[in-house]
Amino acid sequence: MNRIWLKSYPPGVPAEIDPKRLSSLGELLDHACTAYRELPAYEQFRTTIRYGELDELTRAFAAWLQSVGLGKGDRIAIMLPNCLQYPVVLFGALRAGLVVVNTNPLYTARELAHQLEDSGALAIVVLENFAHVVQEVAPHSRLKHVLVTAVGDLLPAPKSWIVNYVVRHRRKQVPPWHIPQAMSLRAALRAGRDLRWRPEPLSGDDLAFLQYTGGTTGVAKGAMLSHGNLCANLLQALAWIDGQFTGEPGTLITAIPLYHVFALTANCLLFAYLGWKNVLIINARDFPSLVAEMKRHPFEFFSGVNTLFNALLHTPGFAEVDFSHLKITLGGGMAVQAAVAQRWKEVTGKTLSQAWGLTETSPAVSINPINDDFNGSVGLPIPSTEVTVKDDAGKDLPVGESGEVCVRGPQVMRGYWNRPDETAKVLLPDGWLRTGDIGYIDQKGFVYLQDRKKDMILVSGFNVYPNEVEEIVATHPGVLEAAAIAQPDEHSGEVVALFVVLKDASVTAEDIIGYCRKSLAAYKVPRHVYFRKELPKSNVGKILRKALRDEITR
């Protein structure tokens, strides 16, 4: 394909980036802490860490890691939600040359054990709320160091004591735990302040993250993301938004988890490079508290997934938030529904821009022009990125034809850790990554995704894409959210089954099926409708269709 998307680029966006502009994430932090030393870097519970303090804290943590024998290439797991400790541990570990293994704090012992064993992690930093899970796993792992922290540990006294007391004793959110070798993160930071940090030379080829994903198939695999991968993706995103922000660094609110690759690159790395203040939301599902924080902080950037935007639009008080400073609302992680994007524009007066990426691409692949109205596409391939559509035989398809979307660029992972067989399935010899997403590219170069290849429903030989069905159902005034999946059927092979959360309890299955008949071909209309109080979601808020399929076939 002849990079037809370049003709649709906004003015000033280059076709290519210069990857030499940033060699490592260590260099990123050096730049941020030097250029923005007196500016606020992170805020939570009305406590601010400035870039100068972030510099000192990360140096202390890096020095402590080196003092206990951890060095370049060693793995450290981080099991933290969006708290002030996360950036301190993340950047400290990277400064010491360690490879970060981001770990979902809500993992079960089985899930955590797999990730620790597969990655070979020698250390873990965990919030005390989840230490009981580490306690169960630690004796059977390679862990040599367990660092535990409490929510309020980086807050000043007496606020830290009050917050920790409330979490432990009022809300009772800390199950009992006992890990003999555990050490507090605060103690490690205190010790590190008296130690000398030895800067670790890092290059773009050095591994920065083992970022775990289900990938296109099978059990969770560690995508090997290098410093060069992440730096390239940061520079690609920067090239796209350059010129959107002028004057002093601004403020962003981070509700999606930093341990997820979307927020990791977009919210954490990019905006640290730009010197912004990052307001961290520890529990994005507490929507009233999130809205309260949005009211407190004039913010220019907000990112999320469709379910988060939808939930906020249904939260009392959201319409009273001051959106006058908001310049970019970025949706990713799952398809943004047109009905949600339209409602967002009506309430906020701002466009909800859709982007697309994968863990395997660090993550950004494409994004829409920031000021364009919502068009249903996932945008144009970002600078230094190629996108093509292939059929099952690997042949490139012409413009407008649907097939598997494939990506090539400097942000594409090195492969899956210790999984050469799985790597070979998705990384082609000529550098193309098979994404597992079905879609097409239009005449202007915009990429449209129809669905995940594995989520497609086959009804009597006809392809049905769940996203299309969900888009229609989302416009029903009585529906809050919905998910479409395949249900086995002896006549059609598969039929569409719909799981629905209602706003209006009087709505019936027949109402929804009749509503779908007005807009969908007969074979796409749901045959079964199941009502639920809530739908299963991932850590970032993406609806888990697999869990629903398992429920049906159980």
Protein backbone atom coordinates (compact mmCIF):
# COMPACT_ATOMS: atom_id res chain seq x y z
CA MET A 1 0.00 0.00 0.00
CA ASN A 2 1.35 3.39 -0.97
CA ARG A 3 0.83 5.09 2.43
CA ILE A 4 -2.31 6.78 1.17
CA TRP A 5 -3.00 8.09 4.67
CA LEU A 6 -0.26 10.72 4.41
CA LYS A 7 -2.46 12.91 2.20
CA SER A 8 -4.98 13.08 5.08
CA TYR A 9 -2.45 14.10 7.74
CA PRO A 10 -3.20 17.32 9.64
CA PRO A 11 -0.90 20.24 8.73
CA GLY A 12 2.49 20.02 10.41
CA VAL A 13 2.41 16.29 11.19
CA PRO A 14 5.53 14.67 9.71
CA ALA A 15 5.54 11.39 7.80
CA GLU A 16 8.50 10.14 9.87
CA ILE A 17 9.96 10.67 13.33
CA ASP A 18 13.64 10.82 14.30
CA PRO A 19 14.11 7.95 16.79
CA LYS A 20 17.54 9.31 17.76
CA ARG A 21 15.81 12.21 19.50
CA LEU A 22 15.28 10.01 22.57
CA SER A 23 17.42 6.96 23.28
CA SER A 24 15.95 5.55 26.50
CA LEU A 25 13.32 6.07 29.18
CA GLY A 26 16.13 6.98 31.55
CA GLU A 27 16.96 9.89 29.26
CA LEU A 28 13.26 10.82 29.28
CA LEU A 29 13.27 11.14 33.07
CA ASP A 30 16.57 13.04 33.10
CA HIS A 31 15.04 15.53 30.66
CA ALA A 32 11.80 15.93 32.63
CA CYS A 33 13.48 16.33 36.02
CA THR A 34 15.93 18.90 34.67
CA ALA A 35 13.59 20.96 32.50
CA TYR A 36 10.60 20.98 34.87
CA ARG A 37 12.25 20.60 38.27
CA GLU A 38 9.98 23.03 40.16
CA LEU A 39 6.75 22.03 38.43
CA PRO A 40 4.21 19.53 39.84
CA ALA A 41 4.58 16.04 38.38
CA TYR A 42 1.92 13.97 40.20
CA GLU A 43 -0.94 14.77 42.54
CA GLN A 44 -3.17 12.60 44.71
CA PHE A 45 -5.18 13.28 47.86
CA ARG A 46 -4.24 16.95 47.42
CA THR A 47 -0.56 16.08 47.78
CA THR A 48 1.87 17.01 45.01
CA ILE A 49 5.22 15.49 44.02
CA ARG A 50 7.29 17.92 41.98
CA TYR A 51 9.67 16.78 39.25
CA GLY A 52 12.64 17.61 41.49
CA GLU A 53 11.22 15.36 44.22
CA LEU A 54 10.51 12.66 41.64
CA ASP A 55 14.18 12.88 40.64
CA GLU A 56 15.32 12.37 44.25
CA LEU A 57 12.87 9.57 45.03
CA THR A 58 13.66 7.60 41.86
CA ARG A 59 17.40 7.99 42.43
CA ALA A 60 16.94 6.67 45.96
CA PHE A 61 14.95 3.67 44.78
CA ALA A 62 17.41 2.92 41.98
CA ALA A 63 20.29 3.11 44.47
CA TRP A 64 18.52 0.72 46.86
CA LEU A 65 17.87 -1.78 44.05
CA GLN A 66 21.53 -1.70 43.09
CA SER A 67 22.58 -2.10 46.74
CA VAL A 68 20.72 -5.41 47.05
CA GLY A 69 22.31 -6.78 43.89
CA LEU A 70 19.60 -6.06 41.34
CA GLY A 71 20.87 -4.69 38.07
CA LYS A 72 20.47 -4.38 34.36
CA GLY A 73 18.09 -6.94 32.89
CA ASP A 74 16.70 -8.22 36.20
CA ARG A 75 12.92 -8.32 36.40
CA ILE A 76 10.84 -6.40 38.94
CA ALA A 77 7.07 -6.80 39.20
CA ILE A 78 4.97 -3.76 40.08
CA MET A 79 1.58 -4.60 41.62
CA LEU A 80 0.23 -1.11 42.25
CA PRO A 81 -2.88 0.86 41.25
CA ASN A 82 -2.70 4.55 40.34
CA CYS A 83 -0.95 5.84 43.44
CA LEU A 84 2.02 8.17 43.94
CA GLN A 85 4.28 5.18 44.51
CA TYR A 86 3.75 3.87 40.98
CA PRO A 87 5.83 6.47 39.06
CA VAL A 88 8.51 6.42 41.78
CA VAL A 89 8.93 2.65 41.52
CA LEU A 90 8.56 2.59 37.72
CA PHE A 91 11.15 5.25 36.94
CA GLY A 92 13.46 4.14 39.75
CA ALA A 93 13.52 0.60 38.37
CA LEU A 94 14.14 1.85 34.84
CA ARG A 95 16.96 4.09 36.07
CA ALA A 96 18.60 1.02 37.61
CA GLY A 97 18.31 -0.80 34.28
CA LEU A 98 15.70 -3.29 35.48
CA VAL A 99 12.94 -4.71 33.28
CA VAL A 100 9.49 -3.78 34.58
CA VAL A 101 6.76 -6.41 34.75
CA ASN A 102 3.49 -4.52 35.20
CA THR A 103 1.06 -6.62 37.20
CA ASN A 104 -2.67 -6.16 37.67
CA PRO A 105 -3.34 -5.68 41.41
CA LEU A 106 -6.58 -7.62 41.04
CA TYR A 107 -4.82 -10.79 39.88
CA THR A 108 -5.65 -14.03 41.61
CA ALA A 109 -2.81 -16.11 43.06
CA ARG A 110 -2.89 -18.36 39.99
CA GLU A 111 -2.58 -15.44 37.58
CA LEU A 112 0.17 -13.78 39.59
CA ALA A 113 2.10 -17.05 39.94
CA HIS A 114 2.11 -17.50 36.16
CA GLN A 115 3.37 -14.00 35.51
CA LEU A 116 6.10 -14.15 38.17
CA GLU A 117 7.31 -17.55 37.04
CA ASP A 118 7.20 -16.76 33.34
CA SER A 119 9.02 -13.43 33.73
CA GLY A 120 11.53 -14.66 36.29
CA ALA A 121 10.85 -11.66 38.54
CA LEU A 122 13.29 -11.35 41.45
CA ALA A 123 11.47 -8.49 43.20
CA ILE A 124 7.95 -7.18 43.58
CA VAL A 125 6.46 -3.97 44.92
CA VAL A 126 2.87 -4.43 46.08
CA LEU A 127 0.19 -2.33 47.76
CA GLU A 128 -0.62 -3.85 51.16
CA ASN A 129 -4.25 -4.34 50.07
CA PHE A 130 -3.01 -7.12 47.77
CA ALA A 131 -0.10 -8.47 49.83
CA HIS A 132 -2.14 -11.53 50.87
CA VAL A 133 -2.01 -12.70 47.25
CA VAL A 134 1.78 -12.29 47.13
CA GLN A 135 1.99 -14.18 50.43
CA GLU A 136 0.35 -17.18 48.78
CA VAL A 137 2.63 -17.09 45.76
CA ALA A 138 6.02 -15.92 47.09
CA PRO A 139 7.24 -19.25 48.56
CA HIS A 140 6.88 -20.91 45.16
CA SER A 141 8.47 -18.12 43.12
CA ARG A 142 11.97 -16.78 42.46
CA LEU A 143 11.25 -13.62 44.44
CA LYS A 144 14.15 -12.46 46.59
CA HIS A 145 12.70 -9.09 47.58
CA VAL A 146 9.13 -8.16 48.49
CA LEU A 147 8.45 -4.47 49.10
CA VAL A 148 5.08 -3.52 50.57
CA THR A 149 3.53 -0.06 50.64
CA ALA A 150 0.32 1.47 51.98
CA VAL A 151 -1.89 3.91 50.08
CA GLY A 152 -0.87 6.91 52.15
CA ASP A 153 2.84 6.18 52.51
CA LEU A 154 4.06 9.02 50.29
CA LEU A 155 1.69 11.58 51.79
CA PRO A 156 2.90 14.01 54.48
CA ALA A 157 2.00 13.39 58.11
CA PRO A 158 -0.58 13.45 59.56
CA LYS A 159 -2.45 12.89 56.27
CA SER A 160 -0.56 9.64 55.65
CA TRP A 161 -1.60 8.25 59.05
CA ILE A 162 -5.23 9.23 58.55
CA VAL A 163 -5.47 7.76 55.04
CA ASN A 164 -3.81 4.49 56.07
CA TYR A 165 -6.01 4.22 59.18
CA VAL A 166 -9.19 4.72 57.14
CA VAL A 167 -8.15 2.18 54.48
CA ARG A 168 -7.10 -0.43 57.06
CA HIS A 169 -9.65 -0.03 59.83
CA ARG A 170 -12.66 1.94 58.62
CA ARG A 171 -12.97 0.51 55.13
CA LYS A 172 -11.25 -2.77 56.07
CA GLN A 173 -9.63 -3.01 52.64
CA VAL A 174 -6.41 -4.72 53.79
CA PRO A 175 -6.80 -8.48 54.32
CA PRO A 176 -4.38 -10.02 56.85
CA TRP A 177 -1.00 -10.97 55.40
CA HIS A 178 2.38 -12.17 56.60
CA ILE A 179 5.49 -12.32 54.40
CA PRO A 180 8.61 -12.94 56.52
CA GLN A 181 11.07 -11.33 54.08
CA ALA A 182 8.87 -8.31 53.31
CA MET A 183 10.26 -4.80 53.68
CA SER A 184 8.38 -1.53 53.49
CA LEU A 185 8.92 0.60 50.41
CA ARG A 186 9.38 3.61 52.69
CA ALA A 187 12.30 1.86 54.41
CA ALA A 188 13.90 1.10 51.04
CA LEU A 189 13.56 4.74 49.97
CA ARG A 190 15.03 5.96 53.27
CA ALA A 191 17.98 3.61 52.87
CA GLY A 192 18.42 4.60 49.23
CA ARG A 193 18.77 8.29 50.08
CA ASP A 194 22.09 7.50 51.81
CA LEU A 195 23.36 5.36 48.95
CA ARG A 196 24.99 6.33 45.69
CA TRP A 197 23.06 5.65 42.51
CA ARG A 198 25.22 4.50 39.61
CA PRO A 199 23.59 5.58 36.33
CA GLU A 200 23.07 2.55 34.11
CA PRO A 201 23.93 3.09 30.42
CA LEU A 202 20.83 2.25 28.41
CA SER A 203 20.18 2.06 24.69
CA GLY A 204 17.12 1.64 22.54
CA ASP A 205 17.89 -2.07 22.20
CA ASP A 206 17.67 -2.73 25.95
CA LEU A 207 14.52 -4.34 27.25
CA ALA A 208 12.30 -2.01 29.30
CA PHE A 209 9.07 -3.98 29.88
CA LEU A 210 7.62 -7.43 29.80
CA GLN A 211 4.05 -6.28 29.26
CA TYR A 212 1.69 -9.22 29.62
CA THR A 213 -1.20 -9.74 27.26
CA GLY A 214 -3.47 -12.49 26.08
CA GLY A 215 -2.19 -11.54 22.64
CA THR A 216 -4.04 -12.97 19.68
CA THR A 217 -4.26 -16.46 21.17
CA GLY A 218 -3.78 -18.46 24.33
CA VAL A 219 -2.37 -17.83 27.80
CA ALA A 220 -0.94 -14.46 28.89
CA LYS A 221 2.41 -13.79 27.22
CA GLY A 222 5.06 -11.20 27.95
CA ALA A 223 5.44 -8.77 25.05
CA MET A 224 9.09 -7.68 24.98
CA LEU A 225 9.03 -3.90 24.70
CA SER A 226 12.40 -2.20 24.46
CA HIS A 227 13.38 1.33 25.43
CA GLY A 228 13.48 2.04 21.70
CA ASN A 229 9.93 0.74 21.20
CA LEU A 230 8.50 2.96 23.94
CA CYS A 231 10.57 6.01 23.00
CA ALA A 232 9.54 5.67 19.36
CA ASN A 233 5.86 5.47 20.29
CA LEU A 234 6.20 8.48 22.57
CA LEU A 235 7.79 10.48 19.75
CA GLN A 236 5.12 9.31 17.31
CA ALA A 237 2.37 10.49 19.66
CA LEU A 238 4.22 13.74 20.29
CA ALA A 239 4.48 14.41 16.55
CA TRP A 240 0.71 13.97 16.26
CA ILE A 241 -0.30 16.34 19.07
CA ASP A 242 2.55 18.85 18.70
CA GLY A 243 0.99 22.29 18.38
CA GLN A 244 -2.18 21.30 20.25
CA PHE A 245 -0.67 22.54 23.50
CA THR A 246 1.04 25.90 23.84
CA GLY A 247 2.48 27.77 26.81
CA GLU A 248 3.16 26.20 30.20
CA PRO A 249 2.71 22.44 30.76
CA GLY A 250 -0.88 21.55 31.56
CA THR A 251 -2.83 19.03 33.62
CA LEU A 252 -4.21 15.61 32.82
CA ILE A 253 -6.42 13.33 34.87
CA THR A 254 -5.47 9.66 34.77
CA ALA A 255 -8.35 7.34 35.58
CA ILE A 256 -7.27 4.31 33.54
CA PRO A 257 -4.56 2.22 35.25
CA LEU A 258 -0.94 3.18 34.60
CA TYR A 259 0.06 -0.49 34.57
CA HIS A 260 -2.00 -0.89 31.37
CA VAL A 261 -0.01 -0.09 28.23
CA PHE A 262 -2.53 2.54 27.05
CA ALA A 263 -2.05 4.77 30.10
CA LEU A 264 1.60 3.77 30.50
CA THR A 265 2.63 5.39 27.21
CA ALA A 266 -0.08 8.01 26.70
CA ASN A 267 -0.51 9.28 30.26
CA CYS A 268 2.68 8.41 32.09
CA LEU A 269 5.59 8.57 29.63
CA LEU A 270 4.39 11.15 27.09
CA PHE A 271 3.20 13.71 29.58
CA ALA A 272 6.20 13.28 31.85
CA TYR A 273 8.32 14.17 28.82
CA LEU A 274 6.14 17.28 28.39
CA GLY A 275 6.34 18.23 32.08
CA TRP A 276 2.62 18.03 32.87
CA LYS A 277 0.88 17.55 36.19
CA ASN A 278 -0.71 14.10 36.34
CA VAL A 279 -3.68 13.79 38.72
CA LEU A 280 -3.88 10.11 39.68
CA ILE A 281 -7.24 8.44 40.31
CA ILE A 282 -6.77 5.33 42.44
CA ASN A 283 -10.27 3.93 41.85
CA ALA A 284 -11.82 4.96 38.53
CA ARG A 285 -14.96 2.96 39.30
CA ASP A 286 -15.84 5.38 42.10
CA PHE A 287 -17.45 7.69 39.57
CA PRO A 288 -18.72 10.34 42.02
CA SER A 289 -15.19 10.77 43.40
CA LEU A 290 -13.76 10.92 39.89
CA VAL A 291 -16.23 13.65 38.94
CA ALA A 292 -15.29 15.54 42.11
CA GLU A 293 -11.62 15.46 41.07
CA MET A 294 -12.53 16.61 37.56
CA LYS A 295 -14.30 19.58 39.12
CA ARG A 296 -11.24 20.43 41.23
CA HIS A 297 -8.69 20.46 38.40
CA PRO A 298 -8.98 22.37 35.13
CA PHE A 299 -7.60 19.73 32.77
CA GLU A 300 -6.52 19.68 29.14
CA PHE A 301 -6.25 15.93 28.48
CA PHE A 302 -8.43 12.98 29.47
CA SER A 303 -8.21 9.40 28.21
CA GLY A 304 -10.39 6.38 28.73
CA VAL A 305 -12.38 3.55 27.25
CA ASN A 306 -15.96 3.55 25.99
CA THR A 307 -17.37 2.11 29.23
CA LEU A 308 -15.69 4.85 31.30
CA PHE A 309 -17.00 7.67 29.10
CA ASN A 310 -20.47 6.12 29.17
CA ALA A 311 -20.43 5.74 32.96
CA LEU A 312 -19.31 9.35 33.45
CA LEU A 313 -22.11 10.60 31.21
CA HIS A 314 -24.54 8.85 33.56
CA THR A 315 -22.92 10.16 36.77
CA PRO A 316 -24.72 13.02 38.53
CA GLY A 317 -22.70 16.23 38.45
CA PHE A 318 -20.60 15.35 35.40
CA ALA A 319 -22.33 17.95 33.22
CA GLU A 320 -21.27 20.65 35.73
CA VAL A 321 -17.54 19.95 35.20
CA ASP A 322 -15.63 22.84 33.60
CA PHE A 323 -14.55 21.55 30.17
CA SER A 324 -13.32 24.89 28.86
CA HIS A 325 -9.65 23.86 29.13
CA LEU A 326 -10.11 20.36 27.66
CA LYS A 327 -8.29 20.01 24.34
CA ILE A 328 -8.01 16.24 23.82
CA THR A 329 -10.29 13.43 24.90
CA LEU A 330 -8.75 10.18 23.74
CA GLY A 331 -10.60 6.88 23.53
CA GLY A 332 -8.86 3.54 23.09
CA GLY A 333 -8.70 0.02 24.49
CA MET A 334 -12.04 -0.93 22.89
CA ALA A 335 -14.32 0.51 20.22
CA VAL A 336 -15.84 3.90 21.04
CA GLN A 337 -19.53 3.77 20.22
CA ALA A 338 -20.97 6.56 18.08
CA ALA A 339 -23.80 7.13 20.56
CA VAL A 340 -21.31 7.67 23.38
CA ALA A 341 -19.12 9.97 21.27
CA GLN A 342 -22.16 12.02 20.27
CA ARG A 343 -23.35 12.35 23.87
CA TRP A 344 -19.83 13.31 25.00
CA LYS A 345 -19.80 16.12 22.44
CA GLU A 346 -23.25 17.31 23.55
CA VAL A 347 -22.30 17.41 27.25
CA THR A 348 -18.68 18.60 27.09
CA GLY A 349 -18.68 20.54 23.84
CA LYS A 350 -15.52 18.62 22.89
CA THR A 351 -14.75 15.86 20.38
CA LEU A 352 -14.01 12.36 21.62
CA SER A 353 -11.09 11.24 19.41
CA GLN A 354 -10.60 7.54 18.83
CA ALA A 355 -7.20 5.87 18.62
CA TRP A 356 -6.07 2.27 18.28
CA GLY A 357 -3.18 0.18 19.43
CA LEU A 358 -2.05 -3.08 20.98
CA THR A 359 0.25 -4.15 23.78
CA GLU A 360 2.49 -5.51 21.03
CA THR A 361 2.84 -2.03 19.48
CA SER A 362 3.73 -0.08 22.64
CA PRO A 363 0.71 0.59 22.02
CA ALA A 364 -0.25 3.31 19.48
CA VAL A 365 -0.83 2.45 15.80
CA SER A 366 -3.37 4.99 14.58
CA ILE A 367 -5.24 8.07 15.75
CA ASN A 368 -7.79 10.45 14.35
CA PRO A 369 -7.02 14.12 13.71
CA ILE A 370 -7.70 15.69 17.10
CA ASN A 371 -10.26 18.28 16.03
CA ASP A 372 -12.17 16.15 13.52
CA ASP A 373 -15.69 15.01 14.36
CA PHE A 374 -16.14 11.37 15.34
CA ASN A 375 -16.24 9.21 12.20
CA GLY A 376 -16.17 5.67 13.55
CA SER A 377 -12.64 4.99 12.31
CA VAL A 378 -9.62 4.41 14.55
CA GLY A 379 -7.78 7.07 12.60
CA LEU A 380 -4.73 7.35 10.38
CA PRO A 381 -1.49 5.41 10.91
CA ILE A 382 0.85 7.58 12.98
CA PRO A 383 4.25 8.75 11.67
CA SER A 384 6.80 6.02 10.79
CA THR A 385 4.02 3.42 10.83
CA GLU A 386 2.75 1.23 8.00
CA VAL A 387 -0.61 -0.51 8.03
CA THR A 388 -1.91 -3.04 5.52
CA VAL A 389 -4.80 -5.51 5.32
CA LYS A 390 -4.10 -9.15 4.45
CA ASP A 391 -6.23 -12.16 3.64
CA ASP A 392 -5.81 -15.56 5.32
CA ALA A 393 -3.09 -16.48 2.82
CA GLY A 394 -1.07 -13.36 3.72
CA LYS A 395 -1.83 -11.50 0.49
CA ASP A 396 -2.35 -7.73 0.66
CA LEU A 397 -5.93 -6.71 -0.03
CA PRO A 398 -6.99 -3.58 -1.96
CA VAL A 399 -8.49 -0.46 -0.42
CA GLY A 400 -11.93 -1.07 1.05
CA GLU A 401 -11.67 -4.85 1.40
CA SER A 402 -11.82 -6.46 4.83
CA GLY A 403 -9.12 -8.72 6.21
CA GLU A 404 -6.62 -8.95 9.05
CA VAL A 405 -5.01 -5.61 9.84
CA CYS A 406 -1.19 -5.82 10.00
CA VAL A 407 1.28 -3.24 11.33
CA ARG A 408 4.96 -2.45 10.83
CA GLY A 409 6.99 0.24 12.58
CA PRO A 410 9.62 1.01 15.26
CA GLN A 411 7.06 0.55 18.04
CA VAL A 412 6.43 -3.13 17.25
CA MET A 413 7.60 -5.47 20.01
CA ARG A 414 10.66 -7.71 19.79
CA GLY A 415 8.48 -10.77 20.31
CA TYR A 416 6.94 -12.74 23.17
CA TRP A 417 9.28 -13.63 26.04
CA ASN A 418 10.28 -17.31 25.86
CA ARG A 419 7.55 -18.01 23.27
CA PRO A 420 9.23 -18.35 19.86
CA ASP A 421 6.30 -20.42 18.61
CA GLU A 422 3.75 -17.74 19.53
CA THR A 423 6.07 -15.02 18.20
CA ALA A 424 6.29 -16.78 14.84
CA LYS A 425 2.49 -16.82 14.58
CA VAL A 426 2.19 -13.03 14.76
CA LEU A 427 5.53 -11.57 13.61
CA LEU A 428 6.15 -12.19 9.92
CA PRO A 429 9.72 -12.40 8.54
CA ASP A 430 9.38 -9.03 6.81
CA GLY A 431 8.49 -7.26 10.07
CA TRP A 432 4.71 -7.18 9.78
CA LEU A 433 2.73 -7.85 12.97
CA ARG A 434 -0.53 -9.74 12.55
CA THR A 435 -2.90 -7.97 14.95
CA GLY A 436 -5.83 -10.37 15.03
CA ASP A 437 -8.14 -7.45 14.24
CA ILE A 438 -10.43 -7.52 11.22
CA GLY A 439 -10.85 -4.26 9.34
CA TYR A 440 -10.22 -2.24 6.21
CA ILE A 441 -8.61 1.00 5.01
CA ASP A 442 -10.64 3.53 3.07
CA GLN A 443 -9.59 5.74 0.15
CA LYS A 444 -8.39 8.50 2.49
CA GLY A 445 -6.23 6.13 4.52
CA PHE A 446 -8.48 5.89 7.59
CA VAL A 447 -8.43 2.51 9.33
CA TYR A 448 -11.77 0.96 10.27
CA LEU A 449 -11.91 -2.01 12.65
CA GLN A 450 -14.84 -4.35 12.47
CA ASP A 451 -13.86 -6.65 15.31
CA ARG A 452 -11.38 -9.05 16.80
CA LYS A 453 -10.92 -12.06 14.52
CA LYS A 454 -11.66 -14.43 17.40
CA ASP A 455 -14.84 -12.53 18.39
CA MET A 456 -16.47 -12.72 14.96
CA ILE A 457 -19.82 -14.57 14.88
CA LEU A 458 -20.50 -16.91 11.97
CA VAL A 459 -24.25 -17.20 11.29
CA SER A 460 -25.07 -19.65 8.48
CA GLY A 461 -21.81 -18.72 6.76
CA PHE A 462 -22.30 -14.95 7.18
CA ASN A 463 -19.88 -12.86 9.23
CA VAL A 464 -21.41 -10.84 12.06
CA TYR A 465 -19.21 -8.34 13.90
CA PRO A 466 -20.21 -7.84 17.56
CA ASN A 467 -19.23 -4.17 17.46
CA GLU A 468 -21.86 -3.48 14.80
CA VAL A 469 -24.62 -5.09 16.86
CA GLU A 470 -23.47 -3.34 20.05
CA GLU A 471 -23.41 0.03 18.26
CA ILE A 472 -27.09 -0.33 17.34
CA VAL A 473 -28.18 -1.56 20.76
CA ALA A 474 -26.30 1.29 22.48
CA THR A 475 -28.63 3.79 20.80
CA HIS A 476 -31.69 2.28 22.51
CA PRO A 477 -32.78 4.81 25.15
CA GLY A 478 -33.31 2.11 27.76
CA VAL A 479 -29.88 0.46 27.43
CA LEU A 480 -26.81 1.40 29.47
CA GLU A 481 -24.36 -1.04 27.87
CA ALA A 482 -24.36 -4.27 25.90
CA ALA A 483 -22.11 -7.04 24.62
CA ALA A 484 -22.75 -9.37 21.67
CA ILE A 485 -21.22 -12.84 21.43
CA ALA A 486 -21.67 -16.09 19.52
CA GLN A 487 -24.00 -18.73 20.93
CA PRO A 488 -23.89 -22.24 19.41
CA ASP A 489 -27.00 -23.16 17.41
CA GLU A 490 -27.85 -26.49 15.82
CA HIS A 491 -29.39 -24.88 12.73
CA SER A 492 -27.16 -21.86 12.02
CA GLY A 493 -23.92 -23.01 13.62
CA GLU A 494 -23.90 -19.80 15.67
CA VAL A 495 -26.39 -17.06 16.44
CA VAL A 496 -26.02 -13.66 18.09
CA ALA A 497 -26.52 -13.58 21.84
CA LEU A 498 -26.76 -10.24 23.61
CA PHE A 499 -25.96 -9.40 27.23
CA VAL A 500 -27.58 -6.14 28.33
CA VAL A 501 -27.43 -3.76 31.30
CA LEU A 502 -30.56 -1.62 31.38
CA LYS A 503 -31.25 1.99 32.36
CA ASP A 504 -34.97 1.33 32.16
CA ALA A 505 -36.09 -1.88 33.87
CA SER A 506 -39.31 -1.99 31.87
CA VAL A 507 -37.46 -2.79 28.63
CA THR A 508 -37.95 -6.40 27.50
CA ALA A 509 -35.96 -8.77 25.33
CA GLU A 510 -38.66 -8.45 22.66
CA ASP A 511 -38.26 -4.67 22.71
CA ILE A 512 -34.53 -4.94 22.05
CA ILE A 513 -34.89 -7.58 19.33
CA GLY A 514 -37.56 -5.48 17.60
CA TYR A 515 -35.34 -2.41 17.83
CA CYS A 516 -32.46 -4.30 16.19
CA ARG A 517 -34.68 -5.52 13.34
CA LYS A 518 -35.09 -1.89 12.21
CA SER A 519 -31.35 -1.46 11.56
CA LEU A 520 -29.79 -4.91 11.11
CA ALA A 521 -30.10 -7.68 8.56
CA ALA A 522 -32.08 -10.64 9.88
CA TYR A 523 -29.02 -12.84 10.49
CA LYS A 524 -27.41 -10.10 12.62
CA VAL A 525 -30.42 -9.65 14.90
CA PRO A 526 -29.87 -11.17 18.38
CA ARG A 527 -31.70 -14.44 18.92
CA HIS A 528 -31.10 -14.45 22.68
CA VAL A 529 -31.06 -11.52 25.12
CA TYR A 530 -29.75 -11.89 28.67
CA PHE A 531 -30.12 -9.12 31.23
CA ARG A 532 -27.40 -8.48 33.80
CA LYS A 533 -26.79 -5.89 36.53
CA GLU A 534 -23.24 -5.48 35.24
CA LEU A 535 -20.92 -6.91 32.59
CA PRO A 536 -17.49 -8.43 33.29
CA LYS A 537 -14.70 -5.98 32.51
CA SER A 538 -10.93 -5.98 32.33
CA ASN A 539 -8.72 -3.79 34.51
CA VAL A 540 -8.98 -0.98 31.97
CA GLY A 541 -12.76 -1.28 31.62
CA LYS A 542 -12.98 -3.32 28.42
CA ILE A 543 -15.96 -5.68 28.32
CA LEU A 544 -14.77 -9.29 28.49
CA ARG A 545 -16.66 -11.14 25.81
CA LYS A 546 -14.72 -14.33 26.54
CA ALA A 547 -16.16 -14.47 30.06
CA LEU A 548 -19.64 -14.18 28.60
CA ARG A 549 -18.94 -16.90 26.03
CA ASP A 550 -17.68 -19.15 28.81
CA GLU A 551 -20.87 -18.49 30.75
CA ILE A 552 -23.01 -19.64 27.82
CA THR A 553 -21.00 -22.77 27.04
CA ARG A 554 -20.52 -23.82 30.66
